[in-house]
C-alpha atoms as a PDB file:
ATOM      1  CA  MET A   1      -9.473  73.128  -1.456  1.00  0.00           C
ATOM      2  CA  SER A   2      -6.960  75.616  -1.709  1.00  0.00           C
ATOM      3  CA  GLU A   3      -4.903  76.097  -4.790  1.00  0.00           C
ATOM      4  CA  TYR A   4      -1.802  75.205  -3.037  1.00  0.00           C
ATOM      5  CA  ASP A   5      -2.585  71.907  -1.945  1.00  0.00           C
ATOM      6  CA  GLU A   6       0.615  70.778  -3.529  1.00  0.00           C
ATOM      7  CA  CYS A   7       2.172  72.146  -0.591  1.00  0.00           C
ATOM      8  CA  THR A   8       1.044  69.048   1.454  1.00  0.00           C
ATOM      9  CA  ASP A   9       2.910  67.012  -0.629  1.00  0.00           C
ATOM     10  CA  ALA A  10       6.580  68.426   0.481  1.00  0.00           C
ATOM     11  CA  LEU A  11       6.932  71.387   2.072  1.00  0.00           C
ATOM     12  CA  VAL A  12      10.768  71.443   2.117  1.00  0.00           C
ATOM     13  CA  ASP A  13      13.569  70.371  -0.464  1.00  0.00           C
ATOM     14  CA  PRO A  14      16.539  68.456   1.499  1.00  0.00           C
ATOM     15  CA  THR A  15      18.647  68.811  -2.148  1.00  0.00           C
ATOM     16  CA  VAL A  16      18.737  72.569  -0.805  1.00  0.00           C
ATOM     17  CA  LEU A  17      20.109  71.797   2.893  1.00  0.00           C
ATOM     18  CA  THR A  18      22.815  69.049   0.767  1.00  0.00           C
ATOM     19  CA  GLU A  19      23.753  70.952  -1.384  1.00  0.00           C
ATOM     20  CA  LEU A  20      24.517  74.211   1.370  1.00  0.00           C
ATOM     21  CA  GLN A  21      26.186  71.644   3.101  1.00  0.00           C
ATOM     22  CA  ALA A  22      28.519  70.784   0.781  1.00  0.00           C
ATOM     23  CA  GLU A  23      29.139  74.375  -0.076  1.00  0.00           C
ATOM     24  CA  LEU A  24      30.340  74.425   3.595  1.00  0.00           C
ATOM     25  CA  GLY A  25      32.574  71.924   3.314  1.00  0.00           C
ATOM     26  CA  GLY A  26      30.312  69.649   5.146  1.00  0.00           C
ATOM     27  CA  ASP A  27      29.902  71.158   8.111  1.00  0.00           C
ATOM     28  CA  HIS A  28      26.358  69.776   9.744  1.00  0.00           C
ATOM     29  CA  ASN A  29      26.388  72.019  12.875  1.00  0.00           C
ATOM     30  CA  ILE A  30      26.048  75.136  10.567  1.00  0.00           C
ATOM     31  CA  ILE A  31      23.406  73.740   8.969  1.00  0.00           C
ATOM     32  CA  SER A  32      21.750  72.429  11.597  1.00  0.00           C
ATOM     33  CA  ALA A  33      21.828  75.869  13.549  1.00  0.00           C
ATOM     34  CA  PHE A  34      20.847  77.478  10.174  1.00  0.00           C
ATOM     35  CA  VAL A  35      17.727  75.240  10.224  1.00  0.00           C
ATOM     36  CA  ARG A  36      16.995  75.920  14.118  1.00  0.00           C
ATOM     37  CA  ASN A  37      16.966  79.688  13.272  1.00  0.00           C
ATOM     38  CA  TYR A  38      14.649  79.370  10.550  1.00  0.00           C
ATOM     39  CA  ALA A  39      12.292  76.907  12.572  1.00  0.00           C
ATOM     40  CA  LYS A  40      12.599  79.506  15.687  1.00  0.00           C
ATOM     41  CA  LEU A  41      11.900  82.780  13.334  1.00  0.00           C
ATOM     42  CA  LEU A  42       9.283  81.604  11.020  1.00  0.00           C
ATOM     43  CA  PRO A  43       6.106  82.146  13.566  1.00  0.00           C
ATOM     44  CA  TRP A  44       7.613  85.236  14.165  1.00  0.00           C
ATOM     45  CA  ARG A  45       7.742  86.402  10.286  1.00  0.00           C
ATOM     46  CA  VAL A  46       4.498  85.240   9.762  1.00  0.00           C
ATOM     47  CA  ASP A  47       3.357  87.220  12.568  1.00  0.00           C
ATOM     48  CA  ARG A  48       4.950  90.219  11.315  1.00  0.00           C
ATOM     49  CA  LEU A  49       3.422  89.905   8.209  1.00  0.00           C
ATOM     50  CA  ARG A  50      -0.398  89.491   9.659  1.00  0.00           C
ATOM     51  CA  HIS A  51       0.475  92.927  11.724  1.00  0.00           C
ATOM     52  CA  ALA A  52       1.756  94.839   8.735  1.00  0.00           C
ATOM     53  CA  LEU A  53      -1.559  94.232   6.942  1.00  0.00           C
ATOM     54  CA  GLU A  54      -3.728  94.947  10.274  1.00  0.00           C
ATOM     55  CA  LYS A  55      -1.810  98.204  10.126  1.00  0.00           C
ATOM     56  CA  LEU A  56      -2.300  98.704   6.577  1.00  0.00           C
ATOM     57  CA  ASP A  57       1.361  99.004   6.569  1.00  0.00           C
ATOM     58  CA  MET A  58       2.645  98.465   3.316  1.00  0.00           C
ATOM     59  CA  GLU A  59       6.214  99.101   3.480  1.00  0.00           C
ATOM     60  CA  ASP A  60       6.233  96.936   6.343  1.00  0.00           C
ATOM     61  CA  ALA A  61       4.601  94.146   4.731  1.00  0.00           C
ATOM     62  CA  MET A  62       6.707  94.203   1.774  1.00  0.00           C
ATOM     63  CA  ASP A  63       9.635  94.062   4.153  1.00  0.00           C
ATOM     64  CA  ALA A  64       8.241  91.141   5.934  1.00  0.00           C
ATOM     65  CA  ILE A  65       6.673  89.021   2.739  1.00  0.00           C
ATOM     66  CA  LEU A  66      10.805  89.728   1.362  1.00  0.00           C
ATOM     67  CA  SER A  67      12.153  87.938   4.742  1.00  0.00           C
ATOM     68  CA  LEU A  68       9.869  85.528   4.542  1.00  0.00           C
ATOM     69  CA  LYS A  69      11.061  84.710   0.879  1.00  0.00           C
ATOM     70  CA  THR A  70      13.988  84.970   0.736  1.00  0.00           C
ATOM     71  CA  SER A  71      14.370  82.828   4.344  1.00  0.00           C
ATOM     72  CA  SER A  72      12.015  79.937   2.795  1.00  0.00           C
ATOM     73  CA  HIS A  73      14.221  79.504  -0.150  1.00  0.00           C
ATOM     74  CA  MET A  74      17.743  79.617   1.711  1.00  0.00           C
ATOM     75  CA  VAL A  75      16.695  76.722   3.623  1.00  0.00           C
ATOM     76  CA  GLY A  76      14.314  74.742   1.255  1.00  0.00           C
ATOM     77  CA  ALA A  77      10.926  75.559   2.384  1.00  0.00           C
ATOM     78  CA  ILE A  78      10.094  75.073  -1.154  1.00  0.00           C
ATOM     79  CA  CYS A  79       6.063  75.677   0.061  1.00  0.00           C
ATOM     80  CA  MET A  80       6.549  78.336   2.134  1.00  0.00           C
ATOM     81  CA  SER A  81       8.965  80.432  -0.593  1.00  0.00           C
ATOM     82  CA  ARG A  82       6.551  79.893  -3.487  1.00  0.00           C
ATOM     83  CA  LEU A  83       3.726  81.291  -1.011  1.00  0.00           C
ATOM     84  CA  ALA A  84       5.657  84.326   0.097  1.00  0.00           C
ATOM     85  CA  THR A  85       6.202  84.637  -3.533  1.00  0.00           C
ATOM     86  CA  GLU A  86       2.820  84.886  -4.414  1.00  0.00           C
ATOM     87  CA  LEU A  87       2.004  87.079  -1.770  1.00  0.00           C
ATOM     88  CA  GLU A  88       5.030  89.479  -2.835  1.00  0.00           C
ATOM     89  CA  ILE A  89       3.064  89.617  -6.147  1.00  0.00           C
ATOM     90  CA  SER A  90      -0.292  90.324  -4.628  1.00  0.00           C
ATOM     91  CA  ILE A  91       1.360  93.215  -2.762  1.00  0.00           C
ATOM     92  CA  ARG A  92       2.870  94.544  -5.770  1.00  0.00           C
ATOM     93  CA  LEU A  93      -0.157  94.390  -7.874  1.00  0.00           C
ATOM     94  CA  LEU A  94      -2.362  96.116  -5.392  1.00  0.00           C
ATOM     95  CA  PRO A  95      -0.009  98.639  -3.837  1.00  0.00           C
ATOM     96  CA  ASN A  96      -2.237 100.564  -1.673  1.00  0.00           C
ATOM     97  CA  ALA A  97      -3.507 100.052   1.648  1.00  0.00           C
ATOM     98  CA  ALA A  98      -7.059  99.927   0.451  1.00  0.00           C
ATOM     99  CA  HIS A  99      -6.474  96.694  -1.144  1.00  0.00           C
ATOM    100  CA  MET A 100      -4.980  95.045   2.206  1.00  0.00           C
ATOM    101  CA  ASP A 101      -7.901  92.915   3.086  1.00  0.00           C
ATOM    102  CA  GLU A 102      -7.607  91.068  -0.235  1.00  0.00           C
ATOM    103  CA  LEU A 103      -4.058  89.671   0.629  1.00  0.00           C
ATOM    104  CA  ARG A 104      -5.294  88.213   4.167  1.00  0.00           C
ATOM    105  CA  PRO A 105      -6.866  84.968   2.512  1.00  0.00           C
ATOM    106  CA  LEU A 106      -3.066  84.399   1.216  1.00  0.00           C
ATOM    107  CA  VAL A 107      -1.398  85.119   4.700  1.00  0.00           C
ATOM    108  CA  ASN A 108      -3.937  82.989   6.058  1.00  0.00           C
ATOM    109  CA  GLU A 109      -2.941  80.022   3.866  1.00  0.00           C
ATOM    110  CA  ILE A 110       1.059  80.910   4.510  1.00  0.00           C
ATOM    111  CA  GLY A 111       0.587  80.732   8.328  1.00  0.00           C
ATOM    112  CA  HIS A 112      -1.517  76.760   7.603  1.00  0.00           C
ATOM    113  CA  PHE A 113       1.889  75.984   6.465  1.00  0.00           C
ATOM    114  CA  VAL A 114       3.957  77.143   9.015  1.00  0.00           C
ATOM    115  CA  SER A 115       3.823  74.003  12.222  1.00  0.00           C
ATOM    116  CA  ALA A 116       4.448  71.484   8.816  1.00  0.00           C
ATOM    117  CA  THR A 117       7.174  73.453   7.557  1.00  0.00           C
ATOM    118  CA  ILE A 118       8.821  73.477  11.253  1.00  0.00           C
ATOM    119  CA  ARG A 119       8.172  70.225  11.807  1.00  0.00           C
ATOM    120  CA  GLU A 120       9.512  68.578   8.425  1.00  0.00           C
ATOM    121  CA  LEU A 121      12.378  70.911   8.775  1.00  0.00           C
ATOM    122  CA  GLU A 122      13.050  69.327  12.087  1.00  0.00           C
ATOM    123  CA  THR A 123      12.937  65.726  10.593  1.00  0.00           C
ATOM    124  CA  PRO A 124      16.852  64.827  10.003  1.00  0.00           C
ATOM    125  CA  LEU A 125      17.091  65.263   6.205  1.00  0.00           C
ATOM    126  CA  LEU A 126      20.863  64.846   6.217  1.00  0.00           C
END
């Protein structure tokens, strides 16, 4: 079992989207489009991160993880955001390409939650 097993209980915090919808004047269409866009781009963001690790490109890896972390936070994907934050910290602590292999298990853990996060987001929350 992983240290991230708690992610299986709640991948998404629906209150984040509810609060965002309230801030946007209650427009459900904007929130729906935002969630659809996040869900569409999530696999690409994780693949981009994997590719950066394969290329040993620290700059691209950091850019990819910050994109994943920020977008996940904004949509309420709490597990994905938590894992992305952990990876960001790890990248900062292991700042050279020689340590990139040590980061792969966490990237694999992130990949493990992609489909379930998308499914949970696609379940009507609002």
